[in-house]
Amino acid sequence: MYIKIPPGPALPEMAFIISHPLDLNLFLSFMPKPIKKISICLAKLCIFPTLSVIGPCLGRPQLLVILEHLKAWGGKSFLFLGWCGGISPILNIGDIILPHTATSEYQAPSHVSPGLFKNFQINIPFSFHTGTVISVDNPYVFDLEKIHNYQKQGIMAIDMETEALFRRSPDLGINSISLLIVSDLLTQAQWEQGFSSPQFKSRRKIVLEWLSRLYF
């Protein structure tokens, strides 16, 4: 006996998983009315003719449960949009990262779907960084020694979901990509928060508005 995903609506092939509720609401404000809305996995799923959008999503467990449901209902390509803490000295608040690799403290690195990654690299209309991110379950346990260790490994930023997304996608036979916006910096002795900065808010709006036009 094993657990099965319950039957659900037929979904378009493309899905956006939007981590933060503020970003989810802003994205939906740019969209027409969805043809259907349902609640699953402690999140809101909005279905459009060519795209499904779900959020909020916090951390590895919720991300994985969402992936399983949306894959079972027809999703084939997934974009995760989230925030990250920058640890590379080249990063600024509001910068965009398209990770090609994600790791964790417990797993070997996993990688983005190359076709989807190349497509976004070609078509994204603003500057961005590529590199490796590390996904963690609890961002409040870090000290400077650990941050410096990550910097020596060439890790650019910290989030909570990308490694799980990249690792599970090949098993499910799906394509996935992660687009992260730098919300705070962990490069100095003090934590620099940018959550309320005009630059961060402006960049989020630009990215979300662009994404809202991709499939319409």
N, C-alpha and C. Protein backbone atom coordinates (compact mmCIF):
# COMPACT_ATOMS: atom_id res chain seq x y z
N MET A 1 0.85 -1.19 0.00
CA MET A 1 0.00 0.00 0.00
C MET A 1 0.89 1.25 0.00
N TYR A 2 0.50 2.24 -0.79
CA TYR A 2 1.26 3.48 -0.84
C TYR A 2 0.33 4.66 -1.03
N ILE A 3 0.85 5.83 -0.78
CA ILE A 3 0.03 7.05 -0.85
C ILE A 3 -0.05 7.52 -2.30
N LYS A 4 -1.25 7.84 -2.74
CA LYS A 4 -1.45 8.35 -4.09
C LYS A 4 -1.92 9.80 -4.04
N ILE A 5 -1.52 10.57 -5.04
CA ILE A 5 -2.03 11.93 -5.19
C ILE A 5 -3.50 11.83 -5.59
N PRO A 6 -4.39 12.55 -4.94
CA PRO A 6 -5.81 12.49 -5.32
C PRO A 6 -6.03 13.09 -6.70
N PRO A 7 -7.10 12.70 -7.38
CA PRO A 7 -7.41 13.31 -8.68
C PRO A 7 -7.58 14.82 -8.54
N GLY A 8 -7.19 15.52 -9.58
CA GLY A 8 -7.29 16.98 -9.55
C GLY A 8 -7.56 17.53 -10.93
N PRO A 9 -7.55 18.83 -11.07
CA PRO A 9 -7.83 19.46 -12.36
C PRO A 9 -6.71 19.21 -13.37
N ALA A 10 -7.06 19.18 -14.64
CA ALA A 10 -6.05 19.08 -15.69
C ALA A 10 -5.32 20.42 -15.81
N LEU A 11 -4.00 20.39 -15.67
CA LEU A 11 -3.22 21.62 -15.64
C LEU A 11 -2.47 21.84 -16.95
N PRO A 12 -2.21 23.10 -17.29
CA PRO A 12 -1.28 23.40 -18.39
C PRO A 12 0.11 22.84 -18.06
N GLU A 13 0.95 22.74 -19.07
CA GLU A 13 2.29 22.18 -18.85
C GLU A 13 3.17 23.09 -17.99
N MET A 14 2.99 24.41 -18.08
CA MET A 14 3.86 25.35 -17.36
C MET A 14 3.24 25.76 -16.04
N ALA A 15 4.07 25.79 -15.00
CA ALA A 15 3.60 26.21 -13.67
C ALA A 15 4.63 27.12 -13.02
N PHE A 16 4.14 28.15 -12.35
CA PHE A 16 4.97 29.02 -11.53
C PHE A 16 4.68 28.71 -10.06
N ILE A 17 5.72 28.49 -9.28
CA ILE A 17 5.60 28.36 -7.83
C ILE A 17 6.19 29.63 -7.23
N ILE A 18 5.34 30.44 -6.61
CA ILE A 18 5.76 31.75 -6.10
C ILE A 18 5.84 31.68 -4.58
N SER A 19 7.03 31.90 -4.06
CA SER A 19 7.29 31.64 -2.66
C SER A 19 6.54 32.57 -1.71
N HIS A 20 6.65 33.87 -1.94
CA HIS A 20 6.16 34.83 -0.95
C HIS A 20 4.75 35.31 -1.28
N PRO A 21 3.87 35.43 -0.29
CA PRO A 21 2.50 35.87 -0.56
C PRO A 21 2.42 37.27 -1.17
N LEU A 22 3.35 38.17 -0.83
CA LEU A 22 3.34 39.50 -1.45
C LEU A 22 3.59 39.40 -2.95
N ASP A 23 4.53 38.55 -3.33
CA ASP A 23 4.81 38.37 -4.76
C ASP A 23 3.66 37.67 -5.47
N LEU A 24 3.07 36.71 -4.81
CA LEU A 24 1.92 36.01 -5.40
C LEU A 24 0.79 36.98 -5.69
N ASN A 25 0.46 37.80 -4.72
CA ASN A 25 -0.64 38.76 -4.91
C ASN A 25 -0.32 39.80 -5.97
N LEU A 26 0.93 40.25 -6.01
CA LEU A 26 1.32 41.22 -7.03
C LEU A 26 1.27 40.60 -8.42
N PHE A 27 1.75 39.38 -8.53
CA PHE A 27 1.70 38.69 -9.83
C PHE A 27 0.26 38.53 -10.30
N LEU A 28 -0.62 38.11 -9.42
CA LEU A 28 -2.02 37.90 -9.81
C LEU A 28 -2.70 39.21 -10.18
N SER A 29 -2.21 40.32 -9.64
CA SER A 29 -2.81 41.61 -10.01
C SER A 29 -2.51 41.99 -11.46
N PHE A 30 -1.49 41.39 -12.04
CA PHE A 30 -1.15 41.63 -13.44
C PHE A 30 -1.88 40.68 -14.39
N MET A 31 -2.58 39.69 -13.84
CA MET A 31 -3.16 38.62 -14.65
C MET A 31 -4.67 38.80 -14.81
N PRO A 32 -5.24 38.19 -15.86
CA PRO A 32 -6.70 38.13 -15.95
C PRO A 32 -7.25 37.20 -14.87
N LYS A 33 -8.54 37.14 -14.77
CA LYS A 33 -9.16 36.25 -13.79
C LYS A 33 -8.87 34.79 -14.14
N PRO A 34 -8.44 33.98 -13.17
CA PRO A 34 -8.18 32.57 -13.48
C PRO A 34 -9.46 31.82 -13.80
N ILE A 35 -9.31 30.74 -14.57
CA ILE A 35 -10.49 29.94 -14.90
C ILE A 35 -10.90 29.06 -13.72
N LYS A 36 -9.96 28.84 -12.80
CA LYS A 36 -10.28 28.03 -11.62
C LYS A 36 -9.29 28.34 -10.51
N LYS A 37 -9.77 28.31 -9.25
CA LYS A 37 -8.91 28.47 -8.08
C LYS A 37 -9.24 27.38 -7.08
N ILE A 38 -8.20 26.74 -6.55
CA ILE A 38 -8.41 25.75 -5.50
C ILE A 38 -7.32 25.90 -4.45
N SER A 39 -7.57 25.39 -3.27
CA SER A 39 -6.57 25.40 -2.20
C SER A 39 -5.98 24.00 -2.06
N ILE A 40 -4.67 23.90 -2.14
CA ILE A 40 -3.98 22.63 -1.93
C ILE A 40 -2.66 22.90 -1.20
N CYS A 41 -2.22 21.96 -0.40
CA CYS A 41 -0.89 22.00 0.21
C CYS A 41 -0.62 23.31 0.95
N LEU A 42 -1.63 23.85 1.63
CA LEU A 42 -1.52 25.12 2.35
C LEU A 42 -1.20 26.28 1.42
N ALA A 43 -1.60 26.15 0.16
CA ALA A 43 -1.32 27.18 -0.84
C ALA A 43 -2.55 27.37 -1.72
N LYS A 44 -2.49 28.41 -2.54
CA LYS A 44 -3.58 28.74 -3.46
C LYS A 44 -3.12 28.44 -4.88
N LEU A 45 -3.87 27.60 -5.59
CA LEU A 45 -3.56 27.25 -6.98
C LEU A 45 -4.53 27.99 -7.89
N CYS A 46 -3.98 28.79 -8.80
CA CYS A 46 -4.78 29.53 -9.78
C CYS A 46 -4.46 28.97 -11.16
N ILE A 47 -5.49 28.58 -11.87
CA ILE A 47 -5.31 27.94 -13.17
C ILE A 47 -5.76 28.89 -14.27
N PHE A 48 -4.85 29.13 -15.22
CA PHE A 48 -5.12 29.94 -16.40
C PHE A 48 -5.03 29.03 -17.63
N PRO A 49 -5.45 29.49 -18.79
CA PRO A 49 -5.43 28.61 -19.97
C PRO A 49 -4.06 28.04 -20.31
N THR A 50 -2.99 28.82 -20.13
CA THR A 50 -1.66 28.36 -20.53
C THR A 50 -0.67 28.26 -19.37
N LEU A 51 -1.15 28.43 -18.16
CA LEU A 51 -0.25 28.51 -17.01
C LEU A 51 -1.01 28.24 -15.73
N SER A 52 -0.36 27.53 -14.80
CA SER A 52 -0.90 27.46 -13.44
C SER A 52 0.09 28.15 -12.50
N VAL A 53 -0.45 28.77 -11.46
CA VAL A 53 0.35 29.55 -10.51
C VAL A 53 -0.04 29.13 -9.11
N ILE A 54 0.95 28.82 -8.27
CA ILE A 54 0.65 28.38 -6.92
C ILE A 54 1.59 29.07 -5.92
N GLY A 55 1.08 29.34 -4.75
CA GLY A 55 1.85 29.93 -3.68
C GLY A 55 0.92 30.28 -2.52
N PRO A 56 1.47 30.71 -1.42
CA PRO A 56 2.90 30.79 -1.14
C PRO A 56 3.51 29.42 -0.90
N CYS A 57 4.84 29.38 -0.85
CA CYS A 57 5.56 28.12 -0.66
C CYS A 57 6.80 28.40 0.16
N LEU A 58 6.91 27.79 1.31
CA LEU A 58 8.04 28.03 2.20
C LEU A 58 8.76 26.73 2.52
N GLY A 59 9.97 26.58 2.02
CA GLY A 59 10.82 25.48 2.42
C GLY A 59 10.63 24.21 1.61
N ARG A 60 11.56 23.29 1.86
CA ARG A 60 11.64 22.03 1.13
C ARG A 60 10.37 21.18 1.21
N PRO A 61 9.79 20.90 2.39
CA PRO A 61 8.64 19.99 2.43
C PRO A 61 7.45 20.47 1.61
N GLN A 62 7.09 21.75 1.76
CA GLN A 62 5.94 22.26 1.01
C GLN A 62 6.22 22.26 -0.48
N LEU A 63 7.44 22.64 -0.86
CA LEU A 63 7.82 22.64 -2.27
C LEU A 63 7.66 21.25 -2.87
N LEU A 64 8.12 20.23 -2.18
CA LEU A 64 8.07 18.87 -2.71
C LEU A 64 6.63 18.36 -2.84
N VAL A 65 5.80 18.65 -1.86
CA VAL A 65 4.41 18.22 -1.93
C VAL A 65 3.68 18.92 -3.08
N ILE A 66 3.96 20.21 -3.26
CA ILE A 66 3.37 20.94 -4.39
C ILE A 66 3.81 20.33 -5.72
N LEU A 67 5.10 20.05 -5.85
CA LEU A 67 5.61 19.45 -7.09
C LEU A 67 4.90 18.14 -7.41
N GLU A 68 4.74 17.29 -6.41
CA GLU A 68 4.10 15.99 -6.63
C GLU A 68 2.67 16.16 -7.14
N HIS A 69 1.93 17.07 -6.53
CA HIS A 69 0.54 17.29 -6.96
C HIS A 69 0.48 17.84 -8.38
N LEU A 70 1.25 18.89 -8.64
CA LEU A 70 1.15 19.53 -9.95
C LEU A 70 1.66 18.64 -11.07
N LYS A 71 2.69 17.84 -10.79
CA LYS A 71 3.15 16.86 -11.78
C LYS A 71 2.05 15.84 -12.08
N ALA A 72 1.40 15.33 -11.03
CA ALA A 72 0.34 14.32 -11.22
C ALA A 72 -0.84 14.88 -12.01
N TRP A 73 -1.04 16.19 -11.94
CA TRP A 73 -2.19 16.80 -12.62
C TRP A 73 -1.84 17.39 -13.99
N GLY A 74 -0.60 17.17 -14.44
CA GLY A 74 -0.26 17.57 -15.80
C GLY A 74 0.87 18.55 -15.96
N GLY A 75 1.41 19.10 -14.87
CA GLY A 75 2.51 20.05 -14.98
C GLY A 75 3.79 19.37 -15.46
N LYS A 76 4.50 20.04 -16.36
CA LYS A 76 5.74 19.48 -16.91
C LYS A 76 6.95 20.39 -16.75
N SER A 77 6.72 21.69 -16.69
CA SER A 77 7.82 22.64 -16.53
C SER A 77 7.48 23.60 -15.39
N PHE A 78 8.46 23.84 -14.52
CA PHE A 78 8.20 24.59 -13.29
C PHE A 78 9.23 25.70 -13.10
N LEU A 79 8.73 26.89 -12.82
CA LEU A 79 9.59 28.00 -12.41
C LEU A 79 9.29 28.33 -10.96
N PHE A 80 10.32 28.32 -10.14
CA PHE A 80 10.19 28.75 -8.75
C PHE A 80 10.71 30.17 -8.63
N LEU A 81 9.90 31.05 -8.06
CA LEU A 81 10.31 32.44 -7.83
C LEU A 81 10.39 32.68 -6.33
N GLY A 82 11.58 33.03 -5.86
CA GLY A 82 11.75 33.24 -4.42
C GLY A 82 12.76 34.33 -4.11
N TRP A 83 12.98 34.51 -2.82
CA TRP A 83 13.96 35.47 -2.33
C TRP A 83 15.17 34.71 -1.79
N CYS A 84 16.31 35.39 -1.73
CA CYS A 84 17.51 34.73 -1.21
C CYS A 84 18.39 35.74 -0.48
N GLY A 85 19.24 35.20 0.38
CA GLY A 85 20.23 36.00 1.07
C GLY A 85 21.56 35.91 0.34
N GLY A 86 22.07 37.04 -0.12
CA GLY A 86 23.32 37.03 -0.87
C GLY A 86 24.53 36.88 0.03
N ILE A 87 25.46 35.99 -0.35
CA ILE A 87 26.71 35.86 0.39
C ILE A 87 27.93 36.15 -0.48
N SER A 88 27.74 36.27 -1.78
CA SER A 88 28.84 36.67 -2.65
C SER A 88 29.02 38.19 -2.57
N PRO A 89 30.26 38.66 -2.51
CA PRO A 89 30.50 40.11 -2.42
C PRO A 89 30.10 40.88 -3.68
N ILE A 90 29.83 40.19 -4.78
CA ILE A 90 29.44 40.89 -6.01
C ILE A 90 27.95 41.22 -6.03
N LEU A 91 27.19 40.72 -5.06
CA LEU A 91 25.74 40.90 -5.07
C LEU A 91 25.30 42.16 -4.35
N ASN A 92 24.17 42.71 -4.83
CA ASN A 92 23.52 43.84 -4.19
C ASN A 92 22.05 43.51 -3.95
N ILE A 93 21.41 44.24 -3.06
CA ILE A 93 19.97 44.08 -2.84
C ILE A 93 19.24 44.29 -4.16
N GLY A 94 18.32 43.39 -4.47
CA GLY A 94 17.54 43.50 -5.69
C GLY A 94 18.14 42.78 -6.88
N ASP A 95 19.36 42.26 -6.76
CA ASP A 95 19.96 41.50 -7.87
C ASP A 95 19.18 40.21 -8.11
N ILE A 96 19.28 39.73 -9.33
CA ILE A 96 18.59 38.51 -9.73
C ILE A 96 19.61 37.40 -9.93
N ILE A 97 19.28 36.22 -9.44
CA ILE A 97 20.13 35.04 -9.63
C ILE A 97 19.32 33.95 -10.33
N LEU A 98 19.90 33.41 -11.39
CA LEU A 98 19.38 32.18 -12.01
C LEU A 98 20.37 31.08 -11.66
N PRO A 99 20.14 30.30 -10.62
CA PRO A 99 21.11 29.28 -10.23
C PRO A 99 21.21 28.17 -11.28
N HIS A 100 22.44 27.76 -11.58
CA HIS A 100 22.61 26.57 -12.41
C HIS A 100 22.85 25.33 -11.55
N THR A 101 23.20 25.55 -10.28
CA THR A 101 23.49 24.45 -9.36
C THR A 101 22.97 24.82 -7.98
N ALA A 102 22.48 23.82 -7.27
CA ALA A 102 22.05 24.03 -5.88
C ALA A 102 22.58 22.89 -5.03
N THR A 103 22.95 23.22 -3.81
CA THR A 103 23.46 22.21 -2.90
C THR A 103 22.82 22.40 -1.54
N SER A 104 23.13 21.48 -0.63
CA SER A 104 22.71 21.61 0.76
C SER A 104 23.82 21.05 1.62
N GLU A 105 23.65 21.11 2.92
CA GLU A 105 24.68 20.58 3.81
C GLU A 105 24.68 19.06 3.85
N TYR A 106 23.64 18.45 3.27
CA TYR A 106 23.49 17.00 3.40
C TYR A 106 23.53 16.26 2.07
N GLN A 107 23.54 16.98 0.95
CA GLN A 107 23.42 16.35 -0.36
C GLN A 107 24.52 16.84 -1.29
N ALA A 108 24.84 16.00 -2.28
CA ALA A 108 25.71 16.44 -3.37
C ALA A 108 24.95 17.46 -4.21
N PRO A 109 25.64 18.29 -4.98
CA PRO A 109 24.95 19.30 -5.78
C PRO A 109 23.97 18.71 -6.78
N SER A 110 22.89 19.43 -7.03
CA SER A 110 21.93 19.08 -8.08
C SER A 110 21.85 20.27 -9.04
N HIS A 111 21.27 20.03 -10.23
CA HIS A 111 21.42 21.00 -11.30
C HIS A 111 20.09 21.36 -11.95
N VAL A 112 20.08 22.55 -12.54
CA VAL A 112 18.92 23.06 -13.25
C VAL A 112 18.67 22.23 -14.51
N SER A 113 17.45 22.26 -15.03
CA SER A 113 17.14 21.63 -16.31
C SER A 113 17.78 22.49 -17.41
N PRO A 114 18.73 21.93 -18.18
CA PRO A 114 19.53 22.78 -19.08
C PRO A 114 18.72 23.49 -20.16
N GLY A 115 17.72 22.81 -20.74
CA GLY A 115 16.93 23.45 -21.80
C GLY A 115 16.17 24.66 -21.30
N LEU A 116 15.51 24.52 -20.16
CA LEU A 116 14.75 25.62 -19.58
C LEU A 116 15.68 26.75 -19.16
N PHE A 117 16.83 26.38 -18.61
CA PHE A 117 17.82 27.38 -18.18
C PHE A 117 18.30 28.20 -19.37
N LYS A 118 18.63 27.53 -20.47
CA LYS A 118 19.10 28.23 -21.66
C LYS A 118 18.03 29.16 -22.21
N ASN A 119 16.79 28.69 -22.21
CA ASN A 119 15.68 29.51 -22.71
C ASN A 119 15.53 30.80 -21.90
N PHE A 120 15.61 30.69 -20.58
CA PHE A 120 15.49 31.88 -19.74
C PHE A 120 16.72 32.78 -19.87
N GLN A 121 17.90 32.19 -19.99
CA GLN A 121 19.10 33.00 -20.18
C GLN A 121 18.99 33.87 -21.42
N ILE A 122 18.44 33.31 -22.49
CA ILE A 122 18.32 34.03 -23.76
C ILE A 122 17.26 35.12 -23.67
N ASN A 123 16.16 34.84 -22.98
CA ASN A 123 14.99 35.71 -23.05
C ASN A 123 14.81 36.69 -21.90
N ILE A 124 15.52 36.49 -20.81
CA ILE A 124 15.33 37.39 -19.67
C ILE A 124 15.82 38.79 -20.05
N PRO A 125 14.99 39.83 -19.85
CA PRO A 125 15.32 41.15 -20.39
C PRO A 125 16.09 42.07 -19.44
N PHE A 126 16.64 41.53 -18.37
CA PHE A 126 17.39 42.36 -17.44
C PHE A 126 18.62 41.59 -16.96
N SER A 127 19.55 42.29 -16.35
CA SER A 127 20.80 41.67 -15.93
C SER A 127 20.55 40.67 -14.80
N PHE A 128 21.39 39.65 -14.76
CA PHE A 128 21.25 38.62 -13.73
C PHE A 128 22.59 37.93 -13.52
N HIS A 129 22.68 37.19 -12.43
CA HIS A 129 23.85 36.38 -12.13
C HIS A 129 23.49 34.91 -12.25
N THR A 130 24.47 34.09 -12.58
CA THR A 130 24.30 32.65 -12.50
C THR A 130 25.35 32.10 -11.54
N GLY A 131 25.05 30.96 -10.94
CA GLY A 131 26.00 30.37 -10.01
C GLY A 131 25.33 29.32 -9.15
N THR A 132 25.96 29.03 -8.02
CA THR A 132 25.50 28.00 -7.10
C THR A 132 24.85 28.64 -5.88
N VAL A 133 23.73 28.07 -5.45
CA VAL A 133 23.09 28.49 -4.20
C VAL A 133 23.05 27.29 -3.25
N ILE A 134 22.94 27.57 -1.98
CA ILE A 134 22.76 26.52 -0.98
C ILE A 134 21.39 26.69 -0.34
N SER A 135 20.66 25.59 -0.23
CA SER A 135 19.32 25.62 0.36
C SER A 135 19.38 25.06 1.77
N VAL A 136 18.74 25.76 2.70
CA VAL A 136 18.81 25.41 4.11
C VAL A 136 17.39 25.31 4.67
N ASP A 137 17.27 24.63 5.79
CA ASP A 137 15.97 24.52 6.45
C ASP A 137 15.75 25.62 7.49
N ASN A 138 16.83 26.15 8.03
CA ASN A 138 16.72 27.18 9.07
C ASN A 138 17.81 28.24 8.85
N PRO A 139 17.45 29.39 8.28
CA PRO A 139 18.47 30.41 8.00
C PRO A 139 18.98 31.14 9.24
N TYR A 140 18.41 30.87 10.40
CA TYR A 140 18.78 31.61 11.61
C TYR A 140 19.92 30.96 12.40
N VAL A 141 20.50 29.89 11.85
CA VAL A 141 21.55 29.19 12.59
C VAL A 141 22.95 29.55 12.10
N PHE A 142 23.05 30.51 11.18
CA PHE A 142 24.35 30.80 10.59
C PHE A 142 25.19 31.71 11.46
N ASP A 143 26.51 31.49 11.39
CA ASP A 143 27.47 32.42 11.97
C ASP A 143 28.46 32.82 10.87
N LEU A 144 29.33 33.77 11.17
CA LEU A 144 30.26 34.27 10.16
C LEU A 144 31.18 33.18 9.63
N GLU A 145 31.59 32.27 10.48
CA GLU A 145 32.48 31.19 10.05
C GLU A 145 31.83 30.35 8.95
N LYS A 146 30.56 30.03 9.15
CA LYS A 146 29.85 29.22 8.16
C LYS A 146 29.67 30.00 6.85
N ILE A 147 29.33 31.29 6.96
CA ILE A 147 29.18 32.12 5.77
C ILE A 147 30.49 32.18 4.99
N HIS A 148 31.61 32.39 5.69
CA HIS A 148 32.91 32.45 5.02
C HIS A 148 33.25 31.12 4.35
N ASN A 149 32.85 30.05 4.98
CA ASN A 149 33.06 28.72 4.39
C ASN A 149 32.32 28.59 3.07
N TYR A 150 31.06 29.03 3.05
CA TYR A 150 30.28 29.00 1.81
C TYR A 150 30.92 29.87 0.74
N GLN A 151 31.40 31.05 1.13
CA GLN A 151 32.04 31.94 0.17
C GLN A 151 33.26 31.29 -0.47
N LYS A 152 34.05 30.58 0.33
CA LYS A 152 35.23 29.89 -0.20
C LYS A 152 34.85 28.81 -1.20
N GLN A 153 33.66 28.24 -1.03
CA GLN A 153 33.18 27.21 -1.97
C GLN A 153 32.57 27.82 -3.23
N GLY A 154 32.50 29.15 -3.30
CA GLY A 154 31.94 29.80 -4.48
C GLY A 154 30.43 29.88 -4.48
N ILE A 155 29.80 29.66 -3.33
CA ILE A 155 28.34 29.73 -3.24
C ILE A 155 27.91 31.20 -3.23
N MET A 156 26.90 31.51 -4.03
CA MET A 156 26.48 32.91 -4.19
C MET A 156 25.45 33.35 -3.16
N ALA A 157 24.53 32.44 -2.81
CA ALA A 157 23.38 32.88 -2.01
C ALA A 157 22.76 31.70 -1.28
N ILE A 158 21.88 32.02 -0.35
CA ILE A 158 21.18 31.04 0.48
C ILE A 158 19.68 31.18 0.25
N ASP A 159 19.00 30.05 0.00
CA ASP A 159 17.54 30.05 -0.01
C ASP A 159 17.07 28.79 0.72
N MET A 160 15.80 28.43 0.56
CA MET A 160 15.27 27.29 1.30
C MET A 160 14.65 26.22 0.39
N GLU A 161 14.61 26.44 -0.93
CA GLU A 161 13.83 25.55 -1.79
C GLU A 161 14.54 25.01 -3.02
N THR A 162 15.51 25.74 -3.57
CA THR A 162 16.02 25.41 -4.91
C THR A 162 16.65 24.03 -4.99
N GLU A 163 17.40 23.63 -3.97
CA GLU A 163 18.04 22.31 -4.02
C GLU A 163 17.01 21.20 -4.12
N ALA A 164 15.93 21.29 -3.37
CA ALA A 164 14.88 20.27 -3.44
C ALA A 164 14.22 20.26 -4.81
N LEU A 165 14.01 21.44 -5.39
CA LEU A 165 13.43 21.54 -6.73
C LEU A 165 14.30 20.84 -7.75
N PHE A 166 15.59 21.17 -7.77
CA PHE A 166 16.49 20.58 -8.76
C PHE A 166 16.68 19.09 -8.53
N ARG A 167 16.73 18.66 -7.28
CA ARG A 167 16.99 17.25 -7.00
C ARG A 167 15.81 16.36 -7.37
N ARG A 168 14.60 16.82 -7.10
CA ARG A 168 13.42 15.98 -7.34
C ARG A 168 12.98 15.99 -8.80
N SER A 169 13.28 17.04 -9.53
CA SER A 169 12.76 17.18 -10.89
C SER A 169 13.12 16.03 -11.82
N PRO A 170 14.39 15.56 -11.87
CA PRO A 170 14.68 14.43 -12.76
C PRO A 170 13.90 13.17 -12.41
N ASP A 171 13.69 12.92 -11.13
CA ASP A 171 12.92 11.74 -10.71
C ASP A 171 11.48 11.80 -11.21
N LEU A 172 10.93 13.02 -11.27
CA LEU A 172 9.55 13.20 -11.71
C LEU A 172 9.43 13.36 -13.22
N GLY A 173 10.57 13.48 -13.91
CA GLY A 173 10.54 13.68 -15.35
C GLY A 173 10.04 15.06 -15.75
N ILE A 174 10.36 16.07 -14.94
CA ILE A 174 9.91 17.43 -15.21
C ILE A 174 11.13 18.34 -15.39
N ASN A 175 10.89 19.50 -15.99
CA ASN A 175 11.92 20.53 -16.11
C ASN A 175 11.68 21.61 -15.06
N SER A 176 12.76 22.17 -14.54
CA SER A 176 12.58 23.19 -13.50
C SER A 176 13.69 24.22 -13.55
N ILE A 177 13.35 25.41 -13.09
CA ILE A 177 14.30 26.51 -12.99
C ILE A 177 13.92 27.33 -11.76
N SER A 178 14.90 28.00 -11.19
CA SER A 178 14.67 28.85 -10.03
C SER A 178 15.14 30.27 -10.36
N LEU A 179 14.31 31.24 -10.04
CA LEU A 179 14.66 32.66 -10.22
C LEU A 179 14.57 33.31 -8.84
N LEU A 180 15.71 33.78 -8.36
CA LEU A 180 15.79 34.31 -7.00
C LEU A 180 16.15 35.79 -7.03
N ILE A 181 15.54 36.55 -6.13
CA ILE A 181 15.83 37.97 -5.99
C ILE A 181 16.49 38.18 -4.63
N VAL A 182 17.62 38.88 -4.63
CA VAL A 182 18.39 39.08 -3.39
C VAL A 182 17.65 40.06 -2.48
N SER A 183 17.22 39.56 -1.34
CA SER A 183 16.44 40.36 -0.38
C SER A 183 17.29 40.89 0.77
N ASP A 184 18.44 40.26 1.00
CA ASP A 184 19.29 40.65 2.12
C ASP A 184 20.70 40.16 1.84
N LEU A 185 21.66 40.72 2.54
CA LEU A 185 23.07 40.40 2.31
C LEU A 185 23.71 39.90 3.60
N LEU A 186 24.50 38.82 3.45
CA LEU A 186 25.18 38.21 4.59
C LEU A 186 26.69 38.23 4.36
N THR A 187 27.17 39.27 3.70
CA THR A 187 28.58 39.32 3.33
C THR A 187 29.45 40.00 4.38
N GLN A 188 28.86 40.75 5.26
CA GLN A 188 29.61 41.50 6.27
C GLN A 188 29.29 40.96 7.67
N ALA A 189 29.90 41.59 8.66
CA ALA A 189 29.68 41.17 10.04
C ALA A 189 28.23 41.38 10.46
N GLN A 190 27.56 42.34 9.81
CA GLN A 190 26.17 42.61 10.14
C GLN A 190 25.26 42.18 9.00
N TRP A 191 24.09 41.73 9.37
CA TRP A 191 23.07 41.32 8.40
C TRP A 191 22.43 42.56 7.80
N GLU A 192 22.55 42.72 6.48
CA GLU A 192 21.95 43.87 5.80
C GLU A 192 20.61 43.46 5.20
N GLN A 193 19.54 43.97 5.76
CA GLN A 193 18.20 43.62 5.29
C GLN A 193 17.72 44.62 4.23
N GLY A 194 17.16 44.08 3.16
CA GLY A 194 16.67 44.94 2.09
C GLY A 194 15.21 44.74 1.79
N PHE A 195 14.49 44.08 2.68
CA PHE A 195 13.10 43.70 2.41
C PHE A 195 12.21 44.89 2.10
N SER A 196 12.48 46.02 2.73
CA SER A 196 11.63 47.20 2.52
C SER A 196 12.30 48.25 1.64
N SER A 197 13.44 47.92 1.04
CA SER A 197 14.16 48.91 0.25
C SER A 197 13.44 49.16 -1.08
N PRO A 198 13.47 50.40 -1.58
CA PRO A 198 12.84 50.71 -2.87
C PRO A 198 13.40 49.88 -4.02
N GLN A 199 14.70 49.60 -3.98
CA GLN A 199 15.33 48.83 -5.05
C GLN A 199 14.77 47.40 -5.10
N PHE A 200 14.61 46.80 -3.93
CA PHE A 200 14.08 45.44 -3.87
C PHE A 200 12.63 45.40 -4.33
N LYS A 201 11.82 46.34 -3.87
CA LYS A 201 10.41 46.39 -4.27
C LYS A 201 10.27 46.63 -5.76
N SER A 202 11.09 47.54 -6.30
CA SER A 202 11.03 47.85 -7.72
C SER A 202 11.42 46.65 -8.57
N ARG A 203 12.48 45.96 -8.17
CA ARG A 203 12.93 44.80 -8.95
C ARG A 203 11.90 43.67 -8.92
N ARG A 204 11.28 43.45 -7.79
CA ARG A 204 10.23 42.42 -7.71
C ARG A 204 9.10 42.75 -8.67
N LYS A 205 8.68 44.00 -8.69
CA LYS A 205 7.59 44.39 -9.58
C LYS A 205 7.96 44.19 -11.04
N ILE A 206 9.18 44.58 -11.41
CA ILE A 206 9.64 44.42 -12.79
C ILE A 206 9.65 42.94 -13.20
N VAL A 207 10.19 42.10 -12.33
CA VAL A 207 10.27 40.67 -12.63
C VAL A 207 8.87 40.05 -12.74
N LEU A 208 8.01 40.37 -11.80
CA LEU A 208 6.67 39.78 -11.79
C LEU A 208 5.85 40.24 -12.99
N GLU A 209 6.00 41.49 -13.36
CA GLU A 209 5.26 42.00 -14.53
C GLU A 209 5.75 41.30 -15.80
N TRP A 210 7.06 41.12 -15.91
CA TRP A 210 7.62 40.41 -17.06
C TRP A 210 7.12 38.96 -17.11
N LEU A 211 7.15 38.28 -15.98
CA LEU A 211 6.68 36.89 -15.94
C LEU A 211 5.20 36.79 -16.31
N SER A 212 4.42 37.78 -15.93
CA SER A 212 2.98 37.73 -16.23
C SER A 212 2.70 37.82 -17.73
N ARG A 213 3.67 38.33 -18.50
CA ARG A 213 3.47 38.45 -19.95
C ARG A 213 4.03 37.27 -20.73
N LEU A 214 4.77 36.40 -20.07
CA LEU A 214 5.47 35.33 -20.79
C LEU A 214 4.53 34.34 -21.46
N TYR A 215 3.42 34.03 -20.82
CA TYR A 215 2.55 32.97 -21.32
C TYR A 215 1.17 33.49 -21.71
N PHE A 216 1.09 34.81 -22.00
CA PHE A 216 -0.18 35.41 -22.42
C PHE A 216 0.06 36.33 -23.60
